[in-house]
Amino acid sequence: MQELGPARPERPPVVMLHGLFIGTLASWYFTAAPVLARERRVLLYDLRGHGKSDRPANGYDVATMAGDLDAILTAVHAAEVDLVGHSYGALVALRFALDRPERVRRLCLVEAPLPPSRFRELEEFAARTPDAMVTALPEGLRAVVVGGGRKAARLLESLDFLATKTSLLSDLGREPDLDDATLGRLRCPVLCVYGDRSSCRAVGERLARVVQGARLEILSGGHFLPLEAPGPLTRTLAEFLDTAPEPRRLDG
């Protein structure tokens, strides 16, 4: 886990979760996290099976990963947090906010796919070989993610491990959708950020429609907004997180 920025008792830390396969904590460490850390404590960690985290063969469903997040926040004594998640990391953040509403002050969902089993881009990506996964990345993104040499070799090994030696793909296929009534239980301010060229955009429109008070921002880009549009995304997150907190809803 990486920790950035000053600890301020009056402001909860920001916890940032990355997406699957090519994502690690570096997805945020080299983009939005340093800017947010100028004023806030920011916590980053690798999801299970990614980066330097443990690599179990199973437990890649949203509920188990939300349990991982709960354990990490307990270990660092973070009673309340602002959550930012990209892609599958956004689904983990969403699940945690539904299960532990008292611990989430604000929720930022970047390109959350609902459900992931019907997310065409992820389904097509996961069906490829590791080499083909890298080739399939958007133009300009390959060089950022791979970088050549040992970094490329580590990425290919990680992709092969996740795709062929874990339950990740089967867990994705079994992940259910969240119905509107469940999504409507969210009680914290919610920001939904989606790319104008992403197949997930309709999910953002749905979230903005069924979650009371949710704000939808559409940025220029596809699914990999932290790397495709780091500047606009960082500004959008910073503005939302720095806004004065709203009273929690007690209805429902």
Protein backbone atom coordinates (compact mmCIF):
# COMPACT_ATOMS: atom_id res chain seq x y z
CA MET A 1 0.00 0.00 0.00
CA GLN A 2 1.10 3.56 -0.71
CA GLU A 3 0.14 6.56 1.40
CA LEU A 4 0.47 10.12 0.13
CA GLY A 5 -0.27 13.56 1.52
CA PRO A 6 -0.88 15.01 4.97
CA ALA A 7 -3.10 13.35 7.55
CA ARG A 8 -5.80 15.83 8.55
CA PRO A 9 -8.21 14.71 11.27
CA GLU A 10 -10.94 17.03 10.00
CA ARG A 11 -10.93 15.45 6.52
CA PRO A 12 -11.20 11.72 5.84
CA PRO A 13 -8.60 10.09 3.59
CA VAL A 14 -9.22 9.44 -0.08
CA VAL A 15 -8.93 5.76 -1.06
CA MET A 16 -8.40 5.06 -4.78
CA LEU A 17 -9.07 1.67 -6.38
CA HIS A 18 -7.81 0.65 -9.83
CA GLY A 19 -9.32 -1.58 -12.52
CA LEU A 20 -8.58 -5.18 -13.49
CA PHE A 21 -5.81 -6.73 -15.58
CA ILE A 22 -3.64 -3.75 -16.58
CA GLY A 23 -4.47 -1.73 -13.47
CA THR A 24 -2.34 -1.37 -10.35
CA LEU A 25 -2.03 1.35 -7.75
CA ALA A 26 0.27 3.07 -10.28
CA SER A 27 -2.83 3.86 -12.35
CA TRP A 28 -3.60 6.54 -9.75
CA TYR A 29 -0.10 7.10 -8.33
CA PHE A 30 1.11 8.65 -11.59
CA THR A 31 -2.11 10.50 -12.43
CA ALA A 32 -4.65 11.96 -9.99
CA ALA A 33 -3.28 10.86 -6.60
CA PRO A 34 -0.38 13.37 -6.27
CA VAL A 35 -2.71 16.30 -6.99
CA LEU A 36 -5.30 15.16 -4.47
CA ALA A 37 -2.51 14.50 -1.95
CA ARG A 38 -1.55 18.18 -1.86
CA GLU A 39 -4.39 18.69 0.61
CA ARG A 40 -5.54 15.20 1.54
CA ARG A 41 -4.27 11.90 2.83
CA VAL A 42 -4.52 9.50 -0.12
CA LEU A 43 -4.35 5.71 0.22
CA LEU A 44 -3.57 3.41 -2.72
CA TYR A 45 -3.29 -0.37 -2.83
CA ASP A 46 -3.11 -3.16 -5.40
CA LEU A 47 -6.24 -5.27 -5.66
CA ARG A 48 -5.75 -8.97 -4.98
CA GLY A 49 -3.82 -10.68 -7.77
CA HIS A 50 -2.47 -7.36 -9.10
CA GLY A 51 0.81 -5.54 -8.63
CA LYS A 52 2.50 -6.49 -5.38
CA SER A 53 -0.58 -7.84 -3.59
CA ASP A 54 -1.09 -11.50 -2.74
CA ARG A 55 -2.05 -13.67 -5.70
CA PRO A 56 -4.76 -16.11 -4.60
CA ALA A 57 -6.40 -18.42 -7.10
CA ASN A 58 -9.90 -17.26 -6.24
CA GLY A 59 -11.91 -14.53 -4.54
CA TYR A 60 -12.15 -12.04 -7.42
CA ASP A 61 -15.86 -11.34 -6.98
CA VAL A 62 -16.95 -7.86 -5.94
CA ALA A 63 -18.11 -8.90 -2.46
CA THR A 64 -14.78 -10.53 -1.56
CA MET A 65 -12.81 -7.55 -2.83
CA ALA A 66 -15.06 -5.21 -0.84
CA GLY A 67 -14.15 -7.34 2.17
CA ASP A 68 -10.47 -6.80 1.34
CA LEU A 69 -11.11 -3.05 1.34
CA ASP A 70 -12.89 -3.25 4.69
CA ALA A 71 -9.93 -5.12 6.21
CA ILE A 72 -7.42 -2.58 4.86
CA LEU A 73 -9.38 0.41 6.18
CA THR A 74 -9.65 -1.26 9.58
CA ALA A 75 -5.90 -1.92 9.61
CA VAL A 76 -5.09 1.75 8.92
CA HIS A 77 -7.76 2.99 11.37
CA ALA A 78 -9.76 4.84 8.69
CA ALA A 79 -13.26 5.10 10.14
CA GLU A 80 -14.62 7.22 7.26
CA VAL A 81 -13.24 7.71 3.75
CA ASP A 82 -13.87 9.22 0.34
CA LEU A 83 -13.79 6.42 -2.23
CA VAL A 84 -12.62 6.71 -5.84
CA GLY A 85 -12.73 3.64 -8.10
CA HIS A 86 -12.07 2.97 -11.76
CA SER A 87 -13.81 0.17 -13.69
CA TYR A 88 -13.99 -2.97 -11.51
CA GLY A 89 -12.45 -0.95 -8.69
CA ALA A 90 -15.47 1.33 -8.96
CA LEU A 91 -17.76 -1.68 -8.48
CA VAL A 92 -15.80 -2.64 -5.37
CA ALA A 93 -16.17 0.91 -4.06
CA LEU A 94 -19.88 0.88 -4.87
CA ARG A 95 -20.41 -2.45 -3.08
CA PHE A 96 -18.53 -1.16 -0.02
CA ALA A 97 -20.61 2.04 0.05
CA LEU A 98 -23.80 -0.02 -0.02
CA ASP A 99 -22.61 -2.43 2.67
CA ARG A 100 -20.90 0.09 4.94
CA PRO A 101 -22.64 3.44 4.33
CA GLU A 102 -21.46 4.86 7.63
CA ARG A 103 -17.84 4.64 6.44
CA VAL A 104 -18.19 6.43 3.07
CA ARG A 105 -18.47 10.22 2.93
CA ARG A 106 -18.27 10.59 -0.85
CA LEU A 107 -18.19 8.11 -3.74
CA CYS A 108 -16.55 8.67 -7.13
CA LEU A 109 -17.33 6.02 -9.75
CA VAL A 110 -15.14 6.21 -12.86
CA GLU A 111 -16.35 3.98 -15.69
CA ALA A 112 -18.13 1.47 -13.42
CA PRO A 113 -19.48 -1.38 -15.61
CA LEU A 114 -22.84 -2.78 -14.50
CA PRO A 115 -22.82 -5.71 -14.58
CA PRO A 116 -19.26 -6.59 -15.65
CA SER A 117 -20.54 -9.80 -17.24
CA ARG A 118 -22.25 -7.65 -19.91
CA PHE A 119 -19.40 -5.16 -20.36
CA ARG A 120 -18.49 -5.80 -24.00
CA GLU A 121 -15.02 -4.20 -23.86
CA LEU A 122 -13.95 -6.26 -20.85
CA GLU A 123 -15.44 -9.47 -22.24
CA GLU A 124 -13.59 -9.06 -25.53
CA PHE A 125 -10.38 -8.04 -23.76
CA ALA A 126 -10.44 -10.99 -21.36
CA ALA A 127 -11.00 -13.50 -24.18
CA ARG A 128 -7.63 -12.65 -25.77
CA THR A 129 -4.21 -14.11 -25.08
CA PRO A 130 -1.94 -11.91 -22.89
CA ASP A 131 -0.02 -10.66 -25.94
CA ALA A 132 -3.26 -9.88 -27.75
CA MET A 133 -4.56 -8.06 -24.63
CA VAL A 134 -1.65 -5.64 -24.86
CA THR A 135 -2.13 -5.23 -28.62
CA ALA A 136 -5.82 -4.48 -28.05
CA LEU A 137 -5.13 -1.49 -25.81
CA PRO A 138 -6.05 1.90 -27.32
CA GLU A 139 -3.39 3.60 -29.42
CA GLY A 140 -1.12 5.66 -27.18
CA LEU A 141 -2.03 3.61 -24.12
CA ARG A 142 0.18 0.64 -24.93
CA ALA A 143 3.41 2.61 -24.48
CA VAL A 144 2.20 4.07 -21.18
CA VAL A 145 1.22 0.69 -19.76
CA VAL A 146 3.98 -1.51 -21.17
CA GLY A 147 7.08 0.67 -21.43
CA GLY A 148 9.18 -2.20 -22.76
CA GLY A 149 11.76 -4.48 -21.13
CA ARG A 150 11.12 -6.13 -17.80
CA LYS A 151 8.01 -4.03 -17.23
CA ALA A 152 6.43 -5.53 -20.34
CA ALA A 153 7.43 -9.04 -19.28
CA ARG A 154 5.90 -8.55 -15.83
CA LEU A 155 2.68 -7.27 -17.37
CA LEU A 156 2.40 -10.27 -19.71
CA GLU A 157 3.06 -12.69 -16.84
CA SER A 158 0.44 -10.94 -14.71
CA LEU A 159 -2.15 -11.04 -17.49
CA ASP A 160 -1.51 -14.74 -18.06
CA PHE A 161 -1.81 -15.47 -14.33
CA LEU A 162 -5.09 -13.59 -13.94
CA ALA A 163 -6.65 -14.99 -17.11
CA THR A 164 -5.58 -18.65 -16.82
CA LYS A 165 -4.68 -19.42 -13.21
CA THR A 166 -7.39 -17.69 -11.20
CA SER A 167 -11.17 -17.62 -10.94
CA LEU A 168 -11.27 -14.01 -12.12
CA LEU A 169 -12.99 -14.64 -15.46
CA SER A 170 -15.56 -17.02 -14.00
CA ASP A 171 -16.17 -14.62 -11.11
CA LEU A 172 -16.79 -11.84 -13.63
CA GLY A 173 -19.25 -14.01 -15.51
CA ARG A 174 -21.24 -14.69 -12.35
CA GLU A 175 -21.28 -11.12 -11.06
CA PRO A 176 -24.92 -10.01 -10.87
CA ASP A 177 -26.34 -6.63 -11.78
CA LEU A 178 -27.51 -4.26 -9.06
CA ASP A 179 -31.16 -3.36 -9.44
CA ASP A 180 -32.41 0.22 -9.25
CA ALA A 181 -33.81 -0.24 -5.75
CA THR A 182 -30.41 -1.36 -4.45
CA LEU A 183 -28.60 1.51 -6.14
CA GLY A 184 -31.18 3.89 -4.70
CA ARG A 185 -30.02 2.98 -1.18
CA LEU A 186 -26.86 5.03 -1.61
CA ARG A 187 -26.89 7.86 0.92
CA CYS A 188 -23.65 9.68 0.19
CA PRO A 189 -22.92 12.21 -2.59
CA VAL A 190 -22.01 10.29 -5.77
CA LEU A 191 -20.00 11.40 -8.79
CA CYS A 192 -20.17 9.28 -11.96
CA VAL A 193 -17.49 9.91 -14.60
CA TYR A 194 -17.67 8.24 -18.02
CA GLY A 195 -15.97 8.58 -21.38
CA ASP A 196 -17.90 9.82 -24.38
CA ARG A 197 -16.53 6.91 -26.44
CA SER A 198 -17.03 4.20 -23.81
CA SER A 199 -19.57 1.39 -24.12
CA CYS A 200 -20.22 1.93 -20.39
CA ARG A 201 -21.64 5.41 -20.89
CA ALA A 202 -25.23 4.17 -20.59
CA VAL A 203 -24.37 2.84 -17.11
CA GLY A 204 -23.40 6.35 -16.01
CA GLU A 205 -26.68 7.70 -17.32
CA ARG A 206 -28.54 4.99 -15.43
CA LEU A 207 -26.70 5.74 -12.18
CA ALA A 208 -27.43 9.46 -12.52
CA ARG A 209 -31.10 8.62 -13.04
CA VAL A 210 -31.65 6.21 -10.14
CA VAL A 211 -29.23 7.50 -7.45
CA GLN A 212 -30.70 10.57 -5.82
CA GLY A 213 -28.47 13.61 -6.31
CA ALA A 214 -25.81 11.73 -8.32
CA ARG A 215 -23.77 13.92 -10.66
CA LEU A 216 -22.74 12.68 -14.11
CA GLU A 217 -19.66 14.02 -15.90
CA ILE A 218 -18.83 12.96 -19.46
CA LEU A 219 -15.17 13.37 -20.48
CA SER A 220 -13.50 12.94 -23.83
CA GLY A 221 -12.12 9.40 -23.92
CA GLY A 222 -12.91 5.72 -23.66
CA HIS A 223 -12.86 3.29 -20.75
CA PHE A 224 -9.31 3.98 -19.52
CA LEU A 225 -9.93 7.58 -18.38
CA PRO A 226 -7.19 7.67 -15.68
CA LEU A 227 -4.62 7.23 -18.49
CA GLU A 228 -6.54 8.68 -21.44
CA ALA A 229 -7.73 11.89 -19.78
CA PRO A 230 -5.69 12.32 -16.57
CA GLY A 231 -5.91 16.12 -16.47
CA PRO A 232 -9.68 16.53 -16.90
CA LEU A 233 -10.38 13.54 -14.66
CA THR A 234 -8.11 14.85 -11.90
CA ARG A 235 -9.78 18.27 -11.99
CA THR A 236 -13.24 16.69 -11.88
CA LEU A 237 -12.35 14.48 -8.90
CA ALA A 238 -10.64 17.31 -6.99
CA GLU A 239 -13.59 19.66 -7.43
CA PHE A 240 -16.07 17.04 -6.23
CA LEU A 241 -14.01 15.92 -3.25
CA ASP A 242 -13.29 19.48 -2.12
CA THR A 243 -16.92 20.57 -2.16
CA ALA A 244 -18.43 21.12 1.27
CA PRO A 245 -20.06 17.87 2.43
CA GLU A 246 -23.80 17.55 2.17
CA PRO A 247 -25.99 16.23 5.01
CA ARG A 248 -26.45 12.47 4.87
CA ARG A 249 -29.86 11.26 3.75
CA LEU A 250 -31.74 9.45 6.48
CA ASP A 251 -34.83 8.49 4.49
CA GLY A 252 -35.47 5.02 3.12
